Structures are given as C-alpha cells and as structure tokens.
Amino acid sequence: TLLVMAWSSLTLPAIFAIIGDNLPRQKRATGFSVQSILKRVPIVLAPPLGGWLMAQLGLASGMRIGLVVTIGLALAAVWIVRRYYVENSPAATDQASLLTVWRNMDGHLKRLLAADCLARWAEGIPKVFVVLYVLNVLRADSLQFGWLTSLQMATAVLIYVPIARLADRFNRKPFVLLTFAFFALFPLVLAQTSGLFWLGLAFVVAGLREIGEPARKALIVDLAGETMRGRAVGAYYLARGLVVFPASLVGGWLWAMRPQLPFYVAFGVGVVGFLVYGLWGPGESK
C-alpha cells in the first residue's frame, strides 16, 4: 500500500510540465489552483461517503465496495486522459543527467527548495501524530475528526482561485511567505488548543497552509528551464523528499518524550523556514 501511495508522486513532474508548457506565466498560479481544487474536492466528499458505506454495509463490505469504486474511477480517469488529452510537439530537449540538471538548476530555485524543505519538516514532524493527538489527547471522536479534515480541505479550496489570481498579477513571494507562515503556525495552534471551537480554528489554519501553494508551484515552473522543465521539477521534489523523510522519525522520538513536543519543535523549524524564505527566497522568475 505504501509503495502504491509513493507511486502517485510520479505524476508531479508531468503535471508541472503540462501547466508550464500550456499556460503563460501570468496564468500559471491560477492553473495550479484549478488543478488543486479538482484534486481536493474529492477529499472533501470521499470521507463522508466512505463512512456512509461502512455504516450501511459494515466495515469489511464497505471497504470492499469503496475499493471497487476507487478502481473504477481510476480506470475512468486513465481513459479520459488517453481520449481527450492531446500533447503538443515537445520542444527540443537535451540528454543531461540528473546531476547535470541539479548543477544547472537556477540558484533562485535552490533557495526556494531550502525554505520549502524546512517548511515540510514543520509539517512532517507532527504529521502522523495529528490524528493521535486529536483523538487520544484532546479526546475528540472519529466523527469530529472527519469533519475537521473536511473543514481543512474546504478552507483550502475556497482560497485557491482568488489568491492565485492575485499571485499571477503581483509578486509571488508574499503568498509563498504566507504559506510558510501557516506551516509554522498550525502545530503551535494545535498544541495550544482546547475545546472544539479552537480545534476547528486549528484546522482552518491547516487549510490556510495552501494559500500560497499555487504561487509556489508556479514559481517552480517559472524558474525551471523550458527544455528540462519536467526533470527540474523531478529533481526538486526528489531532493525535498530525501531531505524531509526523516522528519517523521524525529517526530516519533519527540512524541515518546511528550505528546506536545513534536508540535512545538515543528513550530520552531517552521519559523526558521519562514525567515529563510523571507530573507533569501525568490519572488519572481528572474
């Protein structure tokens, strides 16, 4: 299962390249926002539908029906792409190795990557413990956690398009900076929360972490070379993944000492990422 989940990342370079190749710079953030909305609307709708199936049919039967529906939807998506997507003739490419792609990567993009890695550490340290903290420490029930997740996704969906349009019209940096600020704030707010209202506010903050994601993705495309855009994006995400994957291990070590500790440490790391990007991060392609 984990291997299948990891394979979903294979589409990232292609999606970035498609948006970069087919949209001008002043529309790329909006393009990424639409793509993100289409990706997250099912995340808002699917948990309640899955819960309804399990409530009506039982856990085992509900899971089986849900799996069949998932496979059917995936096959339908493959058919739609093959039937309706027409790719333009690709621009001339070179055969540079991954190491060469990394060496030739824009310095501005590498500085964005450094700040992004710190922000993802702030996300990754407490990520796997959020559900445990909410259910076991804050004593919310599973239904409440489901609605909190939907609230987070709905918040993200509502802000995507209007913010992305602003990011396309103005400098991208303030919007990316806001994203890194909310990456830092979410674990702090969650660690300090008590009561359902404040817990809901914490998950609204979690949704606001997406406020500058279309701008960040558009900035990556802006800074990646046209002839190796897909490979540059792949190198970016490979580097980020390799740097960030130990974060959950650190989170587990901190959780064993005190449940709130991963959230406070994540806040500190997030603040460093915010400062790194604020001081050295790029806002425009050049």
Protein backbone atom coordinates (compact mmCIF):
# COMPACT_ATOMS: atom_id res chain seq x y z
CA THR A 1 0.00 0.00 0.00
CA LEU A 2 2.77 2.43 0.89
CA LEU A 3 4.52 1.63 -2.40
CA VAL A 4 1.34 2.40 -4.35
CA MET A 5 0.94 5.70 -2.47
CA ALA A 6 4.53 6.62 -3.27
CA TRP A 7 3.99 5.97 -6.98
CA SER A 8 1.39 8.75 -7.06
CA SER A 9 4.31 11.21 -6.94
CA LEU A 10 5.37 10.08 -10.41
CA THR A 11 2.76 12.37 -11.94
CA LEU A 12 4.16 15.55 -10.36
CA PRO A 13 6.84 16.41 -12.96
CA ALA A 14 4.41 15.74 -15.82
CA ILE A 15 1.67 17.90 -14.28
CA PHE A 16 4.09 20.77 -13.68
CA ALA A 17 5.46 20.48 -17.21
CA ILE A 18 1.98 20.40 -18.76
CA ILE A 19 0.87 23.53 -16.90
CA GLY A 20 4.15 25.30 -17.63
CA ASP A 21 4.05 24.41 -21.34
CA ASN A 22 0.39 25.28 -21.91
CA LEU A 23 -0.09 28.41 -19.79
CA PRO A 24 1.75 31.75 -19.87
CA ARG A 25 3.47 32.95 -16.73
CA GLN A 26 0.61 35.27 -15.75
CA LYS A 27 -1.86 32.36 -15.61
CA ARG A 28 0.20 29.56 -14.08
CA ALA A 29 -0.76 30.11 -10.43
CA THR A 30 -4.43 30.10 -11.43
CA GLY A 31 -3.81 26.90 -13.41
CA PHE A 32 -2.26 25.22 -10.37
CA SER A 33 -5.14 26.43 -8.19
CA VAL A 34 -7.71 24.83 -10.51
CA GLN A 35 -5.69 21.60 -10.56
CA SER A 36 -5.51 21.64 -6.75
CA ILE A 37 -9.25 22.24 -6.41
CA LEU A 38 -10.05 19.35 -8.72
CA LYS A 39 -7.71 17.21 -6.63
CA ARG A 40 -9.12 18.23 -3.24
CA VAL A 41 -12.88 18.34 -3.85
CA PRO A 42 -12.96 14.52 -3.78
CA ILE A 43 -11.02 14.63 -0.50
CA VAL A 44 -13.83 16.74 0.97
CA LEU A 45 -16.56 14.43 -0.35
CA ALA A 46 -14.97 10.99 -0.12
CA PRO A 47 -14.58 10.57 3.69
CA PRO A 48 -18.31 11.10 4.45
CA LEU A 49 -19.26 8.82 1.52
CA GLY A 50 -16.82 6.15 2.69
CA GLY A 51 -18.15 6.43 6.23
CA TRP A 52 -21.71 6.09 4.96
CA LEU A 53 -20.79 2.92 3.03
CA MET A 54 -19.19 1.36 6.10
CA ALA A 55 -22.13 2.38 8.29
CA GLN A 56 -24.63 0.84 5.87
CA LEU A 57 -22.74 -2.30 4.83
CA GLY A 58 -20.31 -2.92 7.68
CA LEU A 59 -16.58 -2.28 7.82
CA ALA A 60 -15.41 -5.15 5.59
CA SER A 61 -18.14 -4.86 2.92
CA GLY A 62 -17.95 -1.07 2.92
CA MET A 63 -14.19 -1.19 2.38
CA ARG A 64 -14.58 -3.68 -0.49
CA ILE A 65 -17.24 -1.58 -2.23
CA GLY A 66 -15.14 1.53 -1.73
CA LEU A 67 -12.12 -0.22 -3.26
CA VAL A 68 -14.15 -1.29 -6.31
CA VAL A 69 -15.44 2.27 -6.78
CA THR A 70 -11.90 3.63 -6.42
CA ILE A 71 -10.52 1.28 -9.08
CA GLY A 72 -13.41 2.15 -11.41
CA LEU A 73 -12.79 5.89 -11.01
CA ALA A 74 -9.05 5.43 -11.60
CA LEU A 75 -9.69 3.50 -14.83
CA ALA A 76 -12.15 6.18 -15.95
CA ALA A 77 -9.50 8.86 -15.33
CA VAL A 78 -6.96 6.91 -17.42
CA TRP A 79 -9.48 6.60 -20.27
CA ILE A 80 -10.32 10.34 -20.17
CA VAL A 81 -6.62 11.30 -20.36
CA ARG A 82 -5.96 8.95 -23.27
CA ARG A 83 -9.11 10.01 -25.10
CA TYR A 84 -9.08 13.78 -24.70
CA TYR A 85 -5.56 15.00 -23.87
CA VAL A 86 -3.58 15.99 -26.94
CA GLU A 87 0.07 16.85 -26.36
CA ASN A 88 1.76 19.50 -28.43
CA SER A 89 5.00 18.67 -30.18
CA PRO A 90 7.64 18.80 -27.43
CA ALA A 91 10.40 21.37 -27.52
CA ALA A 92 13.89 20.13 -28.22
CA THR A 93 15.41 18.52 -25.16
CA ASP A 94 18.91 17.54 -24.15
CA GLN A 95 20.07 14.31 -22.55
CA ALA A 96 21.56 15.84 -19.42
CA SER A 97 21.93 13.55 -16.41
CA LEU A 98 20.17 14.17 -13.11
CA LEU A 99 23.42 15.52 -11.64
CA THR A 100 23.76 17.93 -14.56
CA VAL A 101 20.14 19.03 -14.14
CA TRP A 102 20.85 19.74 -10.48
CA ARG A 103 24.05 21.67 -11.23
CA ASN A 104 22.26 23.77 -13.84
CA MET A 105 19.24 24.43 -11.66
CA ASP A 106 18.54 28.12 -11.11
CA GLY A 107 20.03 29.39 -7.85
CA HIS A 108 16.74 31.09 -7.01
CA LEU A 109 15.00 27.72 -7.26
CA LYS A 110 17.54 26.13 -4.91
CA ARG A 111 16.87 28.84 -2.32
CA LEU A 112 13.14 28.20 -2.63
CA LEU A 113 13.88 24.49 -2.16
CA ALA A 114 15.85 25.15 1.04
CA ALA A 115 12.98 27.08 2.60
CA ASP A 116 10.45 24.55 1.32
CA CYS A 117 12.38 21.69 2.97
CA LEU A 118 12.24 23.47 6.32
CA ALA A 119 8.50 24.10 5.93
CA ARG A 120 7.94 20.42 5.09
CA TRP A 121 9.93 19.43 8.16
CA ALA A 122 7.50 21.58 10.14
CA GLU A 123 4.70 19.61 8.52
CA GLY A 124 6.38 16.20 8.68
CA ILE A 125 7.50 16.13 12.32
CA PRO A 126 3.94 16.04 13.76
CA LYS A 127 2.06 14.83 10.67
CA VAL A 128 1.49 11.20 11.60
CA PHE A 129 0.63 12.17 15.19
CA VAL A 130 -2.07 14.75 14.45
CA VAL A 131 -4.85 12.16 14.48
CA LEU A 132 -3.46 10.54 17.66
CA TYR A 133 -3.21 13.91 19.37
CA VAL A 134 -6.73 14.94 18.41
CA LEU A 135 -8.33 11.60 19.35
CA ASN A 136 -6.26 10.47 22.35
CA VAL A 137 -5.06 13.70 23.94
CA LEU A 138 -7.78 16.20 23.04
CA ARG A 139 -10.47 13.47 23.27
CA ALA A 140 -12.32 14.30 20.06
CA ASP A 141 -14.18 11.40 18.45
CA SER A 142 -13.60 9.95 14.97
CA LEU A 143 -16.67 11.67 13.50
CA GLN A 144 -15.44 15.06 14.70
CA PHE A 145 -12.01 14.36 13.24
CA GLY A 146 -13.63 13.53 9.88
CA TRP A 147 -15.45 16.86 9.87
CA LEU A 148 -12.27 18.67 10.90
CA THR A 149 -10.47 17.14 7.91
CA SER A 150 -13.28 18.25 5.61
CA LEU A 151 -13.09 21.75 7.15
CA GLN A 152 -9.38 21.87 6.38
CA MET A 153 -9.89 20.82 2.76
CA ALA A 154 -12.86 23.19 2.28
CA THR A 155 -10.78 26.11 3.58
CA ALA A 156 -8.04 25.30 1.09
CA VAL A 157 -10.50 25.03 -1.81
CA LEU A 158 -12.17 28.36 -1.00
CA ILE A 159 -8.93 30.36 -1.05
CA TYR A 160 -7.24 28.80 -4.08
CA VAL A 161 -8.61 30.76 -7.04
CA PRO A 162 -8.83 34.32 -5.63
CA ILE A 163 -5.37 34.14 -4.08
CA ALA A 164 -3.86 32.52 -7.19
CA ARG A 165 -5.20 35.32 -9.39
CA LEU A 166 -3.51 37.86 -7.16
CA ALA A 167 -0.28 35.85 -7.28
CA ASP A 168 -0.42 35.88 -11.08
CA ARG A 169 -0.86 39.65 -11.13
CA PHE A 170 1.69 40.59 -8.48
CA ASN A 171 4.90 39.30 -6.93
CA ARG A 172 4.56 35.65 -5.89
CA LYS A 173 6.76 36.00 -2.80
CA PRO A 174 4.22 37.37 -0.25
CA PHE A 175 1.83 34.50 -0.98
CA VAL A 176 4.54 31.83 -0.66
CA LEU A 177 5.68 33.54 2.54
CA LEU A 178 2.13 33.29 3.93
CA THR A 179 2.11 29.58 3.18
CA PHE A 180 5.33 29.07 5.14
CA ALA A 181 3.90 31.16 8.00
CA PHE A 182 0.85 28.90 8.28
CA PHE A 183 3.06 25.79 8.11
CA ALA A 184 4.73 27.13 11.26
CA LEU A 185 1.51 28.25 12.96
CA PHE A 186 -0.59 25.10 12.60
CA PRO A 187 1.39 22.88 15.02
CA LEU A 188 1.59 25.70 17.56
CA VAL A 189 -2.16 26.40 17.43
CA LEU A 190 -2.95 22.68 17.65
CA ALA A 191 -0.66 22.18 20.66
CA GLN A 192 -2.29 25.15 22.45
CA THR A 193 -5.90 24.33 21.61
CA SER A 194 -8.63 23.19 23.99
CA GLY A 195 -12.26 22.77 23.05
CA LEU A 196 -13.92 22.01 19.75
CA PHE A 197 -14.12 25.62 18.56
CA TRP A 198 -10.37 26.17 18.91
CA LEU A 199 -9.72 22.77 17.40
CA GLY A 200 -11.76 23.83 14.38
CA LEU A 201 -9.74 27.03 14.19
CA ALA A 202 -6.54 24.99 14.17
CA PHE A 203 -7.75 23.01 11.17
CA VAL A 204 -8.75 26.23 9.40
CA VAL A 205 -5.12 27.31 9.89
CA ALA A 206 -4.10 23.94 8.43
CA GLY A 207 -6.22 24.70 5.36
CA LEU A 208 -4.63 28.13 5.06
CA ARG A 209 -1.27 26.44 4.56
CA GLU A 210 -2.40 26.10 0.94
CA ILE A 211 -2.78 29.86 0.49
CA GLY A 212 0.45 30.20 -1.46
CA GLU A 213 0.81 26.70 -2.89
CA PRO A 214 -0.31 27.66 -6.43
CA ALA A 215 2.14 30.58 -6.32
CA ARG A 216 4.95 28.31 -5.09
CA LYS A 217 4.30 25.74 -7.80
CA ALA A 218 4.06 28.45 -10.46
CA LEU A 219 7.36 29.88 -9.21
CA ILE A 220 9.00 26.47 -9.59
CA VAL A 221 7.79 26.31 -13.19
CA ASP A 222 8.91 29.90 -13.81
CA LEU A 223 12.43 29.08 -12.61
CA ALA A 224 12.78 25.69 -14.30
CA GLY A 225 14.33 25.68 -17.77
CA GLU A 226 11.89 25.16 -20.61
CA THR A 227 13.81 22.30 -22.24
CA MET A 228 14.21 20.34 -18.99
CA ARG A 229 11.20 21.54 -17.02
CA GLY A 230 9.90 18.09 -16.09
CA ARG A 231 13.31 16.87 -14.98
CA ALA A 232 14.00 20.04 -12.99
CA VAL A 233 10.71 19.59 -11.14
CA GLY A 234 11.54 15.93 -10.57
CA ALA A 235 14.98 16.86 -9.18
CA TYR A 236 13.35 19.47 -6.91
CA TYR A 237 10.88 17.00 -5.43
CA LEU A 238 13.46 14.22 -5.21
CA ALA A 239 15.76 16.48 -3.18
CA ARG A 240 12.88 17.63 -0.99
CA GLY A 241 11.72 14.08 -0.37
CA LEU A 242 15.19 12.85 0.57
CA VAL A 243 15.71 15.76 2.97
CA VAL A 244 12.28 15.56 4.61
CA PHE A 245 11.67 11.81 5.00
CA PRO A 246 13.46 11.53 8.41
CA ALA A 247 11.06 14.13 9.89
CA SER A 248 8.50 11.54 10.98
CA LEU A 249 11.25 9.55 12.75
CA VAL A 250 12.23 12.67 14.69
CA GLY A 251 8.55 13.25 15.42
CA GLY A 252 8.20 9.74 16.86
CA TRP A 253 11.21 10.26 19.12
CA LEU A 254 9.79 13.56 20.38
CA TRP A 255 6.29 12.08 20.82
CA ALA A 256 7.73 9.37 23.09
CA MET A 257 9.01 12.09 25.42
CA ARG A 258 5.90 14.27 25.43
CA PRO A 259 2.91 14.39 23.05
CA GLN A 260 3.05 18.18 22.63
CA LEU A 261 6.78 18.26 21.93
CA PRO A 262 6.66 17.40 18.19
CA PHE A 263 4.29 20.32 17.64
CA TYR A 264 6.47 22.84 19.44
CA VAL A 265 9.62 21.70 17.65
CA ALA A 266 7.76 21.79 14.32
CA PHE A 267 6.76 25.38 15.06
CA GLY A 268 10.41 26.32 15.65
CA VAL A 269 11.55 24.67 12.42
CA GLY A 270 8.70 26.36 10.54
CA VAL A 271 9.77 29.77 11.84
CA VAL A 272 13.29 29.15 10.54
CA GLY A 273 11.88 28.21 7.13
CA PHE A 274 9.77 31.36 7.11
CA LEU A 275 12.79 33.52 7.90
CA VAL A 276 14.99 31.78 5.33
CA TYR A 277 12.48 32.42 2.58
CA GLY A 278 11.70 35.93 3.77
CA LEU A 279 15.38 36.90 3.68
CA TRP A 280 16.70 34.96 0.67
CA GLY A 281 13.77 33.44 -1.20
CA PRO A 282 12.83 34.49 -4.74
CA GLY A 283 9.54 36.08 -5.66
CA GLU A 284 9.79 36.35 -9.43
CA SER A 285 11.27 34.16 -12.11
CA LYS A 286 14.22 36.49 -12.65
